C-alpha cells in the first residue's frame, strides 16, 4: 500500500510497513519543509496537541521530563543528559529533531532508536485520535507518538528537545522537572523575530511557573528577557557562568577534559588553582568525546541540570555522570569521520555556530588547509556563515542536499565567490564528498558544514564506502 498526499480513505487503511507509516505521517502538513510560514498561534496551535494527547490518555504525564530549548547546543545538552540518566539507572527516553540519517533517530530509549515496526504499530494506534482532532502537522503527530512510545516501554525520564522556538512548539505541553535554555543566537529570524530579545521571548516560552530553569551564558539582551520571564513565573534560575562555573582542560581528537564547580565552591577553586592542584578538594572533572570549547559550556549546562535533579531528590551518582559524559554520542557535531585524510562533519548552520566552528578548527588543526563542502537551507544566514569561515578556507565545494529548503548551489557559488573563495559546484552531496575526499592533500582538512541535511547525506555515503571496503577485504 502507498499513501499519497493525505487522501482520507487511504489513511483509514491499516498500515503494515515502515515506508507506509512514513508516507502516512508525511501526508500531513510538514512545516520543516516549508520555506516560509507564520509562526503564530493560529498556525501552531498547542490546543491541537493537547487534544491529540488527551485522546491518548495523556502519556506525557506518565514520566518525569527535562525540556531543552535554544538556538545552538540543545541537541548536545540533551544527549549528555540522556546518557547520564541512563548511566544512573533510569529508563531514559530522548526525543530530538531533525534526524541526520533515519527518521527513527528522533525517538530513542536507553540509546536505542525506536524499531521501524514499533513505529508502524504506534502510527496505527494513534490514528483514531489523529482523525478525531484534524488539522495536525507531522511534528505534532510525531511528538505524540514519541510520548506514547515512552509511556508504553516504561520510560522513567524523558529528555525532550524543542523543535523550533519554544512557546508554540508541540513539545511545550509537558511539565518538566527542569527547563533548559541553551545558547541563543540569530536563526529562524523570519519566524522568531529579528532581535535577540524576540528570540529569547519565544525560547523562554518553555519556562513554567515554579519549575527551575537552567540558562546557558547569553548575550545581555537575551539574558534580561529570560530572567524577566523566570521572575514573572516564579521559576528558580540557575545561570551557567554565574551559579555554575566551567573550565577546559586537556584536549585531543579523542575528546577533552572539563571541570565544573558551583559559585559556593569558588573560594575552594581559587585555593586549588593557587596550590597547583595540591589541595584535597578538586572541582568535578569529566571527560567528554565532544570537541570544541562550546561543548565545555554545553557540558556545564548538562551538569547544572543534573545537580538540580540531585537537589530535588533524584539519585544520580557522580560516577554515573562521569560514565554518561564519557560515553555520549552525538553525530555531526565537530565529528572526526576520518584521520587520513582528515574529515570533519559539523552542524554549523548560522553565523554564531560558524564562528565557533572556526575557533575549533584553529584549536584542533592550526595552520592546516581546509576545503569545505557547503550546502545551506534558503532561510539561513549564508553570508554570515561564509564571513566567519572564509578566512579559514582554502577552497569550497558547494552542493545541494535533497531537501525542499536547500539553496540552489549556483546561488551559493555566487555568494562564495564574493568572499574571494576558490569554488566548485558538485551535485549530489555524495559526489561532492567523494571528489573532495579523493583530492585531499596530506594534512588537508575536509570539512562539511552549513546544513544537517548535507552532513546526513555524507554520513550515508561514508557508511556505504565502508561497507564496500569490508566486502572487498
Foldseek 3Di string as FASTA:
>chain_A
DADPQCDPVVLPDQDQFLNRLVRSLQSAAACVQDQDDAQDCVQQPLVLLVQLCVVVVNLLVQAAEEEEEEDPLRVVLLLLLQLLVVLQPFFEWEADDDDQADNQVRIDTSRHGDDSRLSSVLSVVSSVSDVVRDNDHSQSSVVSSNSVVCSVVVGHYYYYYFDDQALRTNVLPHDHQEYEYEEYDDDPCSHQNDDLLSSLLRNLNSQAQQHAYEYFDYDPNSVVNNVVSCVVRVHHYHYEVAQKDKDWDDAAQQWTKMFMDGPVCVVVDVVCVVVVNPDPDDTLMATARQDFVSVRRSLRSSVVVVVSVVVVPDDRDSVSSRSSRHPGDDPQCQHFPDVVVTEGGHADAALVVLLRVQVRCCVHQNPFAEEEEEKAFPRYPLLSSCVNCVVRHQAYEYEFFPGSRIDDSVVSVVSNVVSVHHYHYDDDLLVSVVVCSVPDDPRYYYYYYNHSRSVSVNVVSVVVVVVVVVVVD
